[in-house]
């Protein structure tokens, strides 16, 4: 009689059922490197393999009873796993997905127990042999056991420090650089897992500043993910094309566009289509949608720069409906930061500013501070860097209309966890969605005047 190997049918059923009930569970299980071997029962192994294939080949949102049945039939194992009766049993015995993370942990523990038993059983067999080499066997056992559980958070910090300082010596920075040299001088690049908040009032260039930071890295091959609950993908990509081509895309909504500009934009669209830029523009998204998409992009696409536009516009989850809005925003901000730490990504969150200091005269207001951030305490606590973009103070408001091609702006580094804070004068070209140094902006102004 052989002892039954450690397993938990209830946990396996609940994890599989939760994947069908709440697709974000699929992403979390994949992120934890759950494989078919983690499941003890053969039917569960096949079902998980099919669920994972659907998520990776299509999307986690495509995981449902119908697509799962099709995938199992395609693999030729639908009848072998018990067909619709087995799938209905799993669904009927999963009452909630709230315990999914705990059940995933149970499956991991049972898997490790089985693997420990396997390794020690083989070691026992080897130890009984006449030609056994004990020191070599002990070394093999230690290697096998240590390989069962890898602490992904375990880092040789001294080695990491050496790598970073050598990188800095060679390139002058250790992370992802800003498109603006003066910003780099102050923050010394965005180093994963920096959580960056870009804040500003409405129509003052927050999204364009974000694109200015992301596009150069996408052009160099770094995968970029943008979750936009505010602006749709069409408009985002149109702005990217305008930035890339150096063409005013607003003109294409009028009779005033030129054929030569249209050709430049067409080439820009072709180039951008080849870049590793991934965009989701679900307008009614919750933080769970955002984090799940971030996990899938990190696992499938290797995304290293992740942006959320914008923080305060997310819809509350079922668990958040009764909470105060500032606490919800704080929780969401913390979850975005956690995503970056989990996958060693730089995360960017666009945030609103309060209406304090709005125009009350014909002059622009004073520069906002980080206290002007909506839900400022919660957002600030989770941010490593806070950049506030605003109009140069005490300037005629008429300098900031569509008639003015170049705007004098200021990027206030209101928080830098590992560096100084201060104000950086820059120039913004709204028609091209482009930020440049103030020196370059003044040069362009002079050219235009001439």
Protein backbone atom coordinates (compact mmCIF):
# COMPACT_ATOMS: atom_id res chain seq x y z
CA UNK A 1 0.00 0.00 0.00
CA UNK A 2 1.43 3.43 -0.99
CA UNK A 3 0.74 6.62 0.89
CA UNK A 4 -1.36 9.19 -0.98
CA UNK A 5 0.76 12.10 -2.10
CA UNK A 6 0.00 15.51 -0.58
CA UNK A 7 -2.73 17.36 -2.49
CA UNK A 8 -5.87 19.38 -1.99
CA UNK A 9 -8.66 18.74 -4.45
CA UNK A 10 -10.72 21.53 -2.89
CA UNK A 11 -7.95 24.11 -3.42
CA UNK A 12 -7.36 23.02 -7.01
CA UNK A 13 -11.08 23.20 -7.81
CA UNK A 14 -11.40 26.61 -6.22
CA UNK A 15 -8.43 28.04 -8.13
CA UNK A 16 -9.74 26.73 -11.46
CA UNK A 17 -13.25 27.91 -10.69
CA UNK A 18 -11.98 31.32 -9.63
CA UNK A 19 -10.18 31.66 -12.97
CA UNK A 20 -13.52 31.18 -14.72
CA UNK A 21 -15.31 33.50 -12.29
CA UNK A 22 -12.74 36.32 -12.12
CA UNK A 23 -10.21 36.46 -15.02
CA UNK A 24 -7.73 38.50 -12.97
CA UNK A 25 -7.04 35.33 -10.97
CA UNK A 26 -5.52 33.84 -14.13
CA UNK A 27 -3.02 36.68 -14.31
CA UNK A 28 -2.10 36.33 -10.64
CA UNK A 29 -1.56 32.58 -10.98
CA UNK A 30 0.60 33.04 -14.07
CA UNK A 31 2.60 35.70 -12.26
CA UNK A 32 3.29 33.17 -9.49
CA UNK A 33 4.61 30.72 -12.12
CA UNK A 34 1.86 28.17 -11.52
CA UNK A 35 2.31 25.30 -14.00
CA UNK A 36 0.28 22.18 -14.72
CA UNK A 37 2.65 20.25 -12.41
CA UNK A 38 1.38 22.26 -9.46
CA UNK A 39 -1.93 20.43 -9.85
CA UNK A 40 -2.09 16.86 -8.58
CA UNK A 41 -5.10 15.59 -10.50
CA UNK A 42 -4.57 14.86 -14.22
CA UNK A 43 -7.84 16.51 -15.25
CA UNK A 44 -6.91 19.66 -13.36
CA UNK A 45 -3.50 19.70 -15.04
CA UNK A 46 -5.16 19.67 -18.47
CA UNK A 47 -7.70 22.32 -17.50
CA UNK A 48 -5.06 24.68 -16.12
CA UNK A 49 -2.92 24.15 -19.23
CA UNK A 50 -5.90 25.12 -21.40
CA UNK A 51 -6.70 28.19 -19.26
CA UNK A 52 -3.10 29.37 -19.41
CA UNK A 53 -2.97 28.86 -23.19
CA UNK A 54 -6.09 30.98 -23.70
CA UNK A 55 -4.68 33.76 -21.49
CA UNK A 56 -1.28 33.85 -23.18
CA UNK A 57 -2.45 33.37 -26.76
CA UNK A 58 -5.48 35.66 -26.55
CA UNK A 59 -6.21 37.47 -23.28
CA UNK A 60 -7.10 36.68 -19.70
CA UNK A 61 -10.48 38.28 -20.41
CA UNK A 62 -11.18 35.51 -22.94
CA UNK A 63 -11.11 32.80 -20.27
CA UNK A 64 -14.62 31.43 -19.80
CA UNK A 65 -16.48 28.12 -19.90
CA UNK A 66 -17.05 28.32 -23.64
CA UNK A 67 -13.46 29.13 -24.68
CA UNK A 68 -12.14 26.58 -22.18
CA UNK A 69 -14.30 23.83 -23.70
CA UNK A 70 -13.08 24.75 -27.19
CA UNK A 71 -9.43 24.73 -26.08
CA UNK A 72 -9.78 21.33 -24.39
CA UNK A 73 -11.43 19.89 -27.49
CA UNK A 74 -8.65 21.33 -29.64
CA UNK A 75 -6.12 19.52 -27.45
CA UNK A 76 -8.15 16.32 -27.74
CA UNK A 77 -8.61 15.90 -23.98
CA UNK A 78 -12.16 17.20 -23.49
CA UNK A 79 -13.71 13.75 -22.97
CA UNK A 80 -10.71 12.47 -20.99
CA UNK A 81 -11.08 15.18 -18.34
CA UNK A 82 -14.77 14.39 -17.91
CA UNK A 83 -16.30 16.81 -20.39
CA UNK A 84 -18.97 19.29 -19.37
CA UNK A 85 -19.73 17.39 -16.15
CA UNK A 86 -16.23 18.03 -14.80
CA UNK A 87 -16.32 21.70 -15.79
CA UNK A 88 -19.74 22.18 -14.25
CA UNK A 89 -18.55 20.46 -11.07
CA UNK A 90 -15.69 22.98 -10.83
CA UNK A 91 -18.01 25.94 -11.41
CA UNK A 92 -20.67 24.67 -9.00
CA UNK A 93 -18.13 24.13 -6.22
CA UNK A 94 -16.57 27.60 -6.45
CA UNK A 95 -18.71 30.05 -4.52
CA UNK A 96 -16.35 33.03 -4.54
CA UNK A 97 -13.00 34.08 -5.97
CA UNK A 98 -12.13 36.00 -2.80
CA UNK A 99 -9.97 33.14 -1.48
CA UNK A 100 -8.13 32.49 -4.74
CA UNK A 101 -4.75 33.82 -3.58
CA UNK A 102 -4.87 31.66 -0.46
CA UNK A 103 -5.82 28.60 -2.51
CA UNK A 104 -2.95 29.27 -4.92
CA UNK A 105 -0.63 29.24 -1.90
CA UNK A 106 -2.09 25.89 -0.78
CA UNK A 107 -1.45 24.43 -4.25
CA UNK A 108 2.13 25.71 -4.16
CA UNK A 109 2.73 24.16 -0.73
CA UNK A 110 1.30 20.77 -1.75
CA UNK A 111 3.42 20.79 -4.88
CA UNK A 112 6.55 21.50 -2.84
CA UNK A 113 5.68 18.67 -0.45
CA UNK A 114 5.37 16.22 -3.36
CA UNK A 115 8.64 17.41 -4.86
CA UNK A 116 10.47 17.06 -1.53
CA UNK A 117 9.16 13.49 -1.28
CA UNK A 118 10.32 12.77 -4.84
CA UNK A 119 13.83 14.14 -4.24
CA UNK A 120 14.29 12.33 -0.93
CA UNK A 121 12.95 9.06 -2.39
CA UNK A 122 15.51 9.19 -5.18
CA UNK A 123 18.20 10.10 -2.65
CA UNK A 124 17.22 7.09 -0.54
CA UNK A 125 17.57 4.79 -3.54
CA UNK A 126 20.98 6.23 -4.42
CA UNK A 127 22.21 5.99 -0.83
CA UNK A 128 21.59 2.22 -0.78
CA UNK A 129 23.88 1.58 -3.75
CA UNK A 130 27.33 0.11 -3.07
CA UNK A 131 29.09 2.66 -5.28
CA UNK A 132 27.33 5.64 -3.67
CA UNK A 133 29.49 8.73 -3.27
CA UNK A 134 28.03 10.41 -0.13
CA UNK A 135 29.57 13.90 -0.59
CA UNK A 136 28.42 14.01 -4.21
CA UNK A 137 24.94 12.76 -3.24
CA UNK A 138 24.61 15.37 -0.51
CA UNK A 139 25.59 18.06 -3.00
CA UNK A 140 23.00 16.78 -5.48
CA UNK A 141 20.28 16.68 -2.81
CA UNK A 142 21.07 20.21 -1.67
CA UNK A 143 20.96 21.47 -5.25
CA UNK A 144 17.65 19.73 -5.98
CA UNK A 145 16.02 20.91 -2.77
CA UNK A 146 17.17 24.50 -3.15
CA UNK A 147 15.91 24.49 -6.73
CA UNK A 148 12.38 23.67 -5.61
CA UNK A 149 11.78 27.09 -4.12
CA UNK A 150 13.44 30.17 -5.49
CA UNK A 151 12.96 33.35 -3.49
CA UNK A 152 12.50 35.82 -6.34
CA UNK A 153 13.02 38.71 -3.97
CA UNK A 154 16.44 37.44 -2.87
CA UNK A 155 19.05 39.73 -4.41
CA UNK A 156 22.79 40.06 -3.99
CA UNK A 157 22.59 43.75 -3.10
CA UNK A 158 26.33 44.28 -3.20
CA UNK A 159 26.50 42.83 -6.70
CA UNK A 160 23.56 45.01 -7.73
CA UNK A 161 25.34 48.07 -6.35
CA UNK A 162 28.50 47.22 -8.31
CA UNK A 163 26.50 46.72 -11.52
CA UNK A 164 24.74 50.06 -11.07
CA UNK A 165 27.85 52.09 -10.35
CA UNK A 166 29.63 50.57 -13.37
CA UNK A 167 26.61 51.39 -15.52
CA UNK A 168 26.63 54.95 -14.20
CA UNK A 169 30.35 55.29 -14.93
CA UNK A 170 29.86 54.10 -18.52
CA UNK A 171 26.62 55.87 -19.44
CA UNK A 172 26.17 58.56 -16.79
CA UNK A 173 22.91 57.06 -15.51
CA UNK A 174 21.54 53.76 -14.20
CA UNK A 175 17.89 53.81 -15.22
CA UNK A 176 15.58 55.07 -17.95
CA UNK A 177 16.47 58.63 -18.84
CA UNK A 178 14.09 61.55 -19.16
CA UNK A 179 13.77 63.20 -22.55
CA UNK A 180 14.83 66.43 -20.80
CA UNK A 181 18.47 66.73 -19.70
CA UNK A 182 17.64 69.09 -16.84
CA UNK A 183 15.23 66.54 -15.38
CA UNK A 184 17.92 63.86 -15.64
CA UNK A 185 20.37 66.15 -13.88
CA UNK A 186 17.99 66.40 -10.93
CA UNK A 187 16.61 62.85 -10.64
CA UNK A 188 19.45 60.94 -12.38
CA UNK A 189 17.02 58.89 -14.49
CA UNK A 190 14.01 56.75 -13.56
CA UNK A 191 15.35 53.66 -11.82
CA UNK A 192 13.09 50.59 -11.49
CA UNK A 193 10.94 50.27 -9.47
CA UNK A 194 10.46 54.04 -9.22
CA UNK A 195 6.81 55.08 -8.89
CA UNK A 196 6.49 58.42 -10.68
CA UNK A 197 3.51 60.76 -10.35
CA UNK A 198 3.06 63.36 -13.10
CA UNK A 199 0.54 65.95 -11.95
CA UNK A 200 -1.00 69.02 -13.47
CA UNK A 201 -4.20 70.89 -14.12
CA UNK A 202 -6.48 70.12 -17.03
CA UNK A 203 -5.06 70.89 -20.50
CA UNK A 204 -1.58 71.75 -19.21
CA UNK A 205 0.29 68.92 -20.91
CA UNK A 206 0.37 66.01 -18.43
CA UNK A 207 -0.28 63.34 -21.05
CA UNK A 208 2.15 64.92 -23.51
CA UNK A 209 4.88 65.01 -20.85
CA UNK A 210 4.24 61.32 -20.20
CA UNK A 211 4.54 60.50 -23.92
CA UNK A 212 7.77 62.52 -24.09
CA UNK A 213 9.21 60.27 -21.37
CA UNK A 214 7.98 56.99 -22.89
CA UNK A 215 8.41 57.36 -26.66
CA UNK A 216 12.24 57.56 -26.83
CA UNK A 217 12.51 54.29 -24.90
CA UNK A 218 9.91 52.57 -27.07
CA UNK A 219 11.95 53.67 -30.09
CA UNK A 220 15.00 51.99 -28.55
CA UNK A 221 13.07 48.74 -28.09
CA UNK A 222 11.90 48.96 -24.47
CA UNK A 223 8.35 47.55 -24.11
CA UNK A 224 5.90 50.19 -22.87
CA UNK A 225 2.37 49.69 -21.51
CA UNK A 226 -0.20 52.50 -21.17
CA UNK A 227 -3.51 51.98 -19.39
CA UNK A 228 -5.64 54.99 -20.27
CA UNK A 229 -9.02 55.40 -18.61
CA UNK A 230 -9.10 59.00 -19.86
CA UNK A 231 -7.95 59.30 -23.48
CA UNK A 232 -8.84 56.68 -26.11
CA UNK A 233 -6.18 54.76 -28.02
CA UNK A 234 -6.87 56.55 -31.30
CA UNK A 235 -6.03 59.95 -29.82
CA UNK A 236 -2.99 58.61 -27.97
CA UNK A 237 -1.54 57.10 -31.12
CA UNK A 238 -2.39 60.22 -33.10
CA UNK A 239 -0.39 62.29 -30.59
CA UNK A 240 2.48 59.82 -30.83
CA UNK A 241 2.45 60.16 -34.62
CA UNK A 242 2.46 63.96 -34.38
CA UNK A 243 5.35 63.85 -31.89
CA UNK A 244 7.29 61.42 -34.09
CA UNK A 245 6.69 63.28 -37.36
CA UNK A 246 6.94 66.81 -35.99
CA UNK A 247 3.57 67.61 -37.53
CA UNK A 248 0.53 69.38 -36.07
CA UNK A 249 -2.12 66.63 -36.16
CA UNK A 250 -4.85 69.10 -35.17
CA UNK A 251 -4.71 70.45 -38.72
CA UNK A 252 -6.07 67.17 -40.07
CA UNK A 253 -9.43 68.12 -38.61
CA UNK A 254 -9.52 71.17 -40.85
CA UNK A 255 -9.11 71.98 -44.54
CA UNK A 256 -5.68 73.42 -43.84
CA UNK A 257 -3.59 70.24 -43.91
CA UNK A 258 -0.88 69.71 -46.53
CA UNK A 259 -0.07 66.58 -48.49
CA UNK A 260 3.58 66.64 -47.40
CA UNK A 261 2.48 66.63 -43.74
CA UNK A 262 0.05 63.77 -44.43
CA UNK A 263 2.90 61.72 -45.89
CA UNK A 264 5.03 62.36 -42.80
CA UNK A 265 2.18 61.27 -40.55
CA UNK A 266 1.60 58.13 -42.63
CA UNK A 267 5.25 57.17 -42.21
CA UNK A 268 5.04 57.92 -38.50
CA UNK A 269 2.05 55.60 -38.06
CA UNK A 270 3.93 52.81 -39.86
CA UNK A 271 6.96 53.26 -37.60
CA UNK A 272 4.91 53.42 -34.39
CA UNK A 273 2.98 50.27 -35.34
CA UNK A 274 6.25 48.35 -35.13
CA UNK A 275 7.14 49.63 -31.68
CA UNK A 276 6.53 47.59 -28.49
CA UNK A 277 3.78 49.93 -27.27
CA UNK A 278 0.70 48.33 -25.70
CA UNK A 279 -2.40 50.39 -24.90
CA UNK A 280 -5.65 49.60 -23.12
CA UNK A 281 -8.26 52.36 -23.09
CA UNK A 282 -11.06 50.84 -21.01
CA UNK A 283 -12.91 53.86 -19.62
CA UNK A 284 -14.74 52.12 -16.75
CA UNK A 285 -11.70 50.31 -15.42
CA UNK A 286 -11.11 49.41 -11.78
CA UNK A 287 -7.70 49.06 -10.17
CA UNK A 288 -8.08 45.28 -10.53
CA UNK A 289 -8.36 45.70 -14.31
CA UNK A 290 -5.25 47.89 -14.33
CA UNK A 291 -3.12 45.56 -12.22
CA UNK A 292 -4.24 42.47 -14.13
CA UNK A 293 -3.35 44.06 -17.45
CA UNK A 294 -0.02 45.17 -16.01
CA UNK A 295 0.76 41.62 -14.91
CA UNK A 296 -0.16 40.19 -18.32
CA UNK A 297 1.93 42.80 -20.15
CA UNK A 298 4.90 42.12 -17.85
CA UNK A 299 4.63 38.33 -18.28
CA UNK A 300 3.77 38.21 -21.99
CA UNK A 301 5.42 41.33 -23.40
CA UNK A 302 8.21 42.11 -20.95
CA UNK A 303 6.91 45.62 -20.29
CA UNK A 304 9.41 47.69 -18.29
CA UNK A 305 7.65 51.10 -18.35
CA UNK A 306 4.01 51.09 -17.24
CA UNK A 307 1.75 54.14 -17.17
CA UNK A 308 -1.73 54.81 -15.80
CA UNK A 309 -3.71 57.78 -17.12
CA UNK A 310 -5.14 58.78 -14.75
CA UNK A 311 -5.23 57.85 -11.08
CA UNK A 312 -8.40 59.54 -9.84
CA UNK A 313 -10.60 58.38 -12.72
CA UNK A 314 -10.64 54.67 -11.89
CA UNK A 315 -13.97 53.17 -10.90
CA UNK A 316 -14.24 51.66 -7.39
CA UNK A 317 -14.18 47.89 -7.02
CA UNK A 318 -16.97 46.12 -5.15
CA UNK A 319 -14.86 46.23 -2.00
CA UNK A 320 -14.18 49.98 -2.39
CA UNK A 321 -17.71 51.33 -2.83
CA UNK A 322 -18.16 52.15 0.87
CA UNK A 323 -14.68 53.62 1.34
CA UNK A 324 -13.79 57.31 1.27
CA UNK A 325 -12.49 58.38 -2.14
CA UNK A 326 -9.13 59.50 -0.78
CA UNK A 327 -8.57 56.05 0.76
CA UNK A 328 -9.54 54.38 -2.52
CA UNK A 329 -7.06 56.56 -4.43
CA UNK A 330 -4.37 55.81 -1.84
CA UNK A 331 -4.98 52.08 -2.14
CA UNK A 332 -4.89 52.27 -5.94
CA UNK A 333 -1.65 54.24 -5.84
CA UNK A 334 -0.10 51.64 -3.54
CA UNK A 335 -1.17 48.81 -5.86
CA UNK A 336 0.44 50.50 -8.86
CA UNK A 337 3.64 50.90 -6.83
CA UNK A 338 3.44 47.22 -5.84
CA UNK A 339 3.12 46.22 -9.49
CA UNK A 340 6.35 48.04 -10.28
CA UNK A 341 8.19 46.41 -7.39
CA UNK A 342 6.93 42.96 -8.34
CA UNK A 343 8.17 43.19 -11.93
CA UNK A 344 11.03 45.69 -11.56
CA UNK A 345 9.22 48.26 -13.72
CA UNK A 346 9.11 52.03 -13.63
CA UNK A 347 5.47 52.99 -13.09
CA UNK A 348 3.95 56.34 -13.98
CA UNK A 349 0.61 57.64 -12.72
CA UNK A 350 -1.00 60.80 -14.03
CA UNK A 351 -2.80 62.74 -11.33
CA UNK A 352 -5.05 65.77 -11.07
CA UNK A 353 -4.31 68.93 -9.16
CA UNK A 354 -6.92 70.80 -7.17
CA UNK A 355 -8.33 74.00 -8.66
CA UNK A 356 -6.54 76.16 -6.10
CA UNK A 357 -4.86 79.05 -7.85
CA UNK A 358 -7.07 78.97 -10.93
CA UNK A 359 -7.14 82.11 -13.06
CA UNK A 360 -8.60 85.02 -11.14
CA UNK A 361 -6.85 87.74 -13.14
CA UNK A 362 -5.06 88.19 -16.44
CA UNK A 363 -1.90 86.60 -14.98
CA UNK A 364 -1.01 82.93 -14.51
CA UNK A 365 -1.11 81.72 -10.88
CA UNK A 366 1.81 80.75 -8.67
CA UNK A 367 3.37 77.31 -9.04
CA UNK A 368 1.42 74.52 -7.30
CA UNK A 369 3.03 72.50 -4.54
CA UNK A 370 2.56 68.81 -3.88
CA UNK A 371 -0.17 69.73 -1.39
CA UNK A 372 -2.27 70.70 -4.42
CA UNK A 373 -2.39 67.04 -5.45
CA UNK A 374 -5.86 65.63 -5.06
CA UNK A 375 -5.72 63.10 -2.21
CA UNK A 376 -2.20 64.51 -1.76
CA UNK A 377 -1.21 62.59 1.38
CA UNK A 378 -2.09 59.18 -0.03
CA UNK A 379 -0.54 59.84 -3.45
CA UNK A 380 2.61 61.41 -2.02
CA UNK A 381 3.28 58.54 0.37
CA UNK A 382 3.48 56.03 -2.48
CA UNK A 383 5.42 58.21 -4.93
CA UNK A 384 9.18 58.09 -5.34
CA UNK A 385 9.15 61.07 -7.69
CA UNK A 386 6.46 63.76 -8.09
CA UNK A 387 6.63 66.01 -11.13
CA UNK A 388 4.18 68.90 -11.32
CA UNK A 389 3.87 70.55 -14.72
CA UNK A 390 2.50 74.11 -14.74
CA UNK A 391 2.56 77.38 -16.63
CA UNK A 392 5.28 79.87 -15.79
CA UNK A 393 3.77 82.03 -13.01
CA UNK A 394 2.85 85.69 -13.36
CA UNK A 395 2.68 85.58 -17.14
CA UNK A 396 -0.14 86.98 -19.29
CA UNK A 397 -2.74 84.24 -19.70
CA UNK A 398 -2.97 85.13 -23.39
CA UNK A 399 0.53 83.61 -23.77
CA UNK A 400 -1.08 80.20 -23.29
CA UNK A 401 -3.62 79.97 -26.10
CA UNK A 402 -3.59 78.15 -29.42
CA UNK A 403 -2.21 81.32 -30.99
CA UNK A 404 1.04 80.90 -29.06
CA UNK A 405 3.14 78.13 -30.61
CA UNK A 406 5.55 77.70 -27.69
CA UNK A 407 4.54 77.88 -24.04
CA UNK A 408 6.94 78.64 -21.20
CA UNK A 409 6.31 75.93 -18.60
CA UNK A 410 7.88 74.74 -15.37
CA UNK A 411 8.36 71.17 -14.20
CA UNK A 412 8.50 71.22 -10.43
CA UNK A 413 10.23 68.18 -8.95
CA UNK A 414 8.14 68.29 -5.78
CA UNK A 415 9.46 65.01 -4.42
CA UNK A 416 12.50 62.90 -5.25
CA UNK A 417 13.13 60.11 -2.82
CA UNK A 418 16.77 59.76 -3.87
CA UNK A 419 17.64 63.24 -5.03
CA UNK A 420 17.05 66.99 -4.80
CA UNK A 421 13.84 68.87 -5.54
CA UNK A 422 13.44 72.09 -7.47
CA UNK A 423 11.95 73.87 -10.48
CA UNK A 424 13.00 73.24 -14.07
CA UNK A 425 12.05 75.79 -16.73
CA UNK A 426 11.04 74.06 -19.98
CA UNK A 427 9.19 74.88 -23.19
CA UNK A 428 6.10 73.07 -24.45
CA UNK A 429 5.05 72.97 -28.11
CA UNK A 430 1.36 71.98 -27.85
CA UNK A 431 0.84 71.51 -31.58
CA UNK A 432 3.63 68.89 -31.69
CA UNK A 433 2.98 67.41 -28.20
CA UNK A 434 6.66 68.00 -27.48
CA UNK A 435 8.63 69.27 -24.49
CA UNK A 436 12.07 70.79 -25.00
CA UNK A 437 14.52 72.70 -22.85
CA UNK A 438 13.79 76.39 -22.27
CA UNK A 439 16.94 77.22 -24.22
CA UNK A 440 15.69 75.24 -27.24
CA UNK A 441 12.25 76.79 -26.86
CA UNK A 442 13.66 80.32 -26.88
CA UNK A 443 15.70 79.45 -29.97
CA UNK A 444 12.55 78.29 -31.78
CA UNK A 445 10.73 81.45 -30.67
CA UNK A 446 13.52 83.55 -32.13
CA UNK A 447 13.35 81.61 -35.41
CA UNK A 448 9.60 82.16 -35.60
CA UNK A 449 10.02 85.88 -34.94
CA UNK A 450 12.55 86.11 -37.71
